[in-house]
Protein backbone atom coordinates (compact mmCIF):
# COMPACT_ATOMS: atom_id res chain seq x y z
CA MET A 1 20.16 4.20 -19.66
CA PRO A 2 21.38 3.03 -16.23
CA ARG A 3 19.77 -0.05 -14.73
CA PRO A 4 17.68 0.48 -11.59
CA PRO A 5 19.20 -0.71 -8.32
CA ARG A 6 18.48 -4.35 -7.43
CA PHE A 7 16.44 -3.30 -4.40
CA ALA A 8 14.08 -1.20 -6.55
CA VAL A 9 13.66 -4.04 -9.05
CA ALA A 10 12.97 -6.54 -6.24
CA SER A 11 10.46 -4.15 -4.66
CA ALA A 12 8.64 -3.66 -7.96
CA LEU A 13 8.56 -7.42 -8.53
CA LEU A 14 7.21 -8.05 -5.03
CA ALA A 15 4.49 -5.42 -5.47
CA THR A 16 3.49 -6.85 -8.85
CA LEU A 17 3.33 -10.42 -7.54
CA THR A 18 1.30 -9.28 -4.54
CA ALA A 19 -1.14 -7.44 -6.79
CA VAL A 20 -1.55 -10.50 -9.02
CA LEU A 21 -2.13 -12.79 -6.05
CA LEU A 22 -4.56 -10.41 -4.36
CA ALA A 23 -6.53 -9.89 -7.54
CA GLY A 24 -7.83 -13.43 -7.16
CA CYS A 25 -8.69 -13.09 -3.46
CA GLY A 26 -12.20 -11.82 -4.06
CA THR A 27 -12.06 -9.06 -1.45
CA ALA A 28 -11.65 -6.23 -3.94
CA THR A 29 -14.30 -5.35 -6.50
CA PRO A 30 -12.60 -5.10 -9.90
CA GLY A 31 -15.89 -4.81 -11.80
CA ASN A 32 -16.31 -1.11 -11.07
CA ASP A 33 -12.74 -0.34 -12.12
CA SER A 34 -12.44 -2.54 -15.19
CA GLY A 35 -10.72 -0.73 -17.98
CA ARG A 36 -8.80 1.51 -15.60
CA THR A 37 -5.06 1.19 -15.76
CA ALA A 38 -2.94 1.69 -12.67
CA VAL A 39 -0.68 4.73 -12.76
CA PRO A 40 2.91 4.01 -11.66
CA LEU A 41 3.84 5.18 -8.18
CA PRO A 42 5.79 8.42 -7.93
CA PRO A 43 9.38 8.03 -6.73
CA ALA A 44 9.96 7.40 -3.06
CA THR A 45 11.73 10.03 -0.99
CA GLY A 46 13.81 8.11 1.51
CA THR A 47 11.42 6.06 3.58
CA SER A 48 8.18 7.71 2.42
CA GLN A 49 6.19 7.68 -0.79
CA PRO A 50 2.97 9.29 -1.97
CA ILE A 51 0.35 6.74 -3.00
CA ALA A 52 -3.16 7.06 -4.39
CA GLU A 53 -6.14 5.06 -5.54
CA LYS A 54 -5.03 5.59 -9.15
CA ASN A 55 -1.84 3.62 -8.35
CA LEU A 56 -3.61 0.49 -7.11
CA VAL A 57 -7.04 0.89 -8.78
CA TYR A 58 -9.34 -1.85 -7.39
CA LEU A 59 -6.71 -3.00 -4.87
CA TRP A 60 -6.93 0.40 -3.14
CA PRO A 61 -8.05 -0.45 0.40
CA PHE A 62 -9.06 2.97 1.76
CA THR A 63 -12.05 5.30 1.77
CA VAL A 64 -9.71 8.27 1.18
CA ASP A 65 -8.27 8.57 -2.33
CA HIS A 66 -4.61 9.30 -1.48
CA GLY A 67 -2.01 9.54 1.26
CA MET A 68 1.57 8.62 2.07
CA ILE A 69 3.13 5.32 3.02
CA GLU A 70 6.12 5.39 5.31
CA CYS A 71 8.55 3.12 7.06
CA ARG A 72 9.36 4.44 10.51
CA GLY A 73 12.01 2.99 12.76
CA LYS A 74 13.31 -0.37 11.59
CA ASN A 75 10.10 -1.81 10.14
CA GLN A 76 7.04 0.10 11.33
CA THR A 77 4.88 0.70 8.26
CA VAL A 78 2.22 3.40 8.37
CA PHE A 79 -0.33 5.04 6.08
CA VAL A 80 -0.58 8.80 6.53
CA SER A 81 -4.04 10.04 5.56
CA PRO A 82 -4.65 13.38 3.81
CA ASP A 83 -5.37 14.99 7.21
CA GLY A 84 -1.85 14.03 8.37
CA LYS A 85 -2.81 11.27 10.81
CA ALA A 86 -0.60 8.13 10.69
CA TYR A 87 -2.19 4.67 10.94
CA ALA A 88 -0.53 1.30 11.52
CA LEU A 89 -0.17 -1.03 8.55
CA ASN A 90 1.66 -3.77 10.45
CA ARG A 91 1.99 -5.24 13.92
CA GLU A 92 5.24 -3.39 14.60
CA ALA A 93 3.54 -0.02 14.01
CA THR A 94 0.59 -1.05 16.20
CA GLN A 95 2.99 -2.04 18.99
CA ALA A 96 4.69 1.37 18.61
CA GLY A 97 1.35 3.06 19.38
CA PHE A 98 -0.01 3.99 15.96
CA PRO A 99 -3.82 3.63 15.73
CA ASP A 100 -5.42 0.84 13.68
CA VAL A 101 -6.05 1.68 10.02
CA ASP A 102 -9.41 -0.17 9.96
CA PRO A 103 -11.54 3.02 10.23
CA LEU A 104 -10.15 4.03 6.80
CA ARG A 105 -10.62 0.65 5.10
CA ARG A 106 -13.29 0.21 2.47
CA ASP A 107 -15.59 -2.74 2.07
CA GLY A 108 -15.03 -5.23 -0.73
CA THR A 109 -17.26 -8.01 -1.93
CA GLY A 110 -19.36 -9.84 0.61
CA GLY A 111 -18.78 -7.16 3.25
CA ALA A 112 -15.15 -8.16 3.84
CA LYS A 113 -12.60 -5.36 3.99
CA VAL A 114 -10.32 -4.90 0.98
CA SER A 115 -6.94 -6.51 1.67
CA LEU A 116 -4.04 -4.38 2.86
CA GLY A 117 -1.56 -6.71 1.14
CA ALA A 118 -0.68 -4.50 -1.83
CA ILE A 119 -0.19 -1.34 0.21
CA ARG A 120 1.75 -3.22 2.90
CA SER A 121 4.11 -4.59 0.24
CA HIS A 122 4.80 -1.11 -1.09
CA ALA A 123 5.32 0.25 2.43
CA LEU A 124 7.67 -2.57 3.47
CA ALA A 125 9.76 -1.91 0.36
CA LEU A 126 10.54 1.52 1.87
CA CYS A 127 12.15 -0.02 4.95
CA PRO A 128 15.93 -0.34 5.00
CA PRO A 129 17.23 -3.87 4.47
CA ALA A 130 17.86 -5.79 7.68
């Protein structure tokens, strides 16, 4: 079996480390999802990738259950909701004119919004290397 490209391995490692670090942040609510196992992400197609709540389980930051993550331009990361609207995941996308993703974010413990860290990591992995 051929080995995956280094970039894919590095991206998977980054996403895993981010998920582990964010799990201890206290902004997500793992209690309701305990026992659920994350489903691996489907393959990326170029600079876009479908993503869903089942892929991140309690780290899922949105009120919608699925969408697409994309890297546009050099490093503008966006989340495309099921209705087709693209929202900024990083400062570069905000500066390019994409609307803020906050209206789609769900509340975690203590009223704080669930972190975007895990989804941002996956989206940044879609951007071409600098």
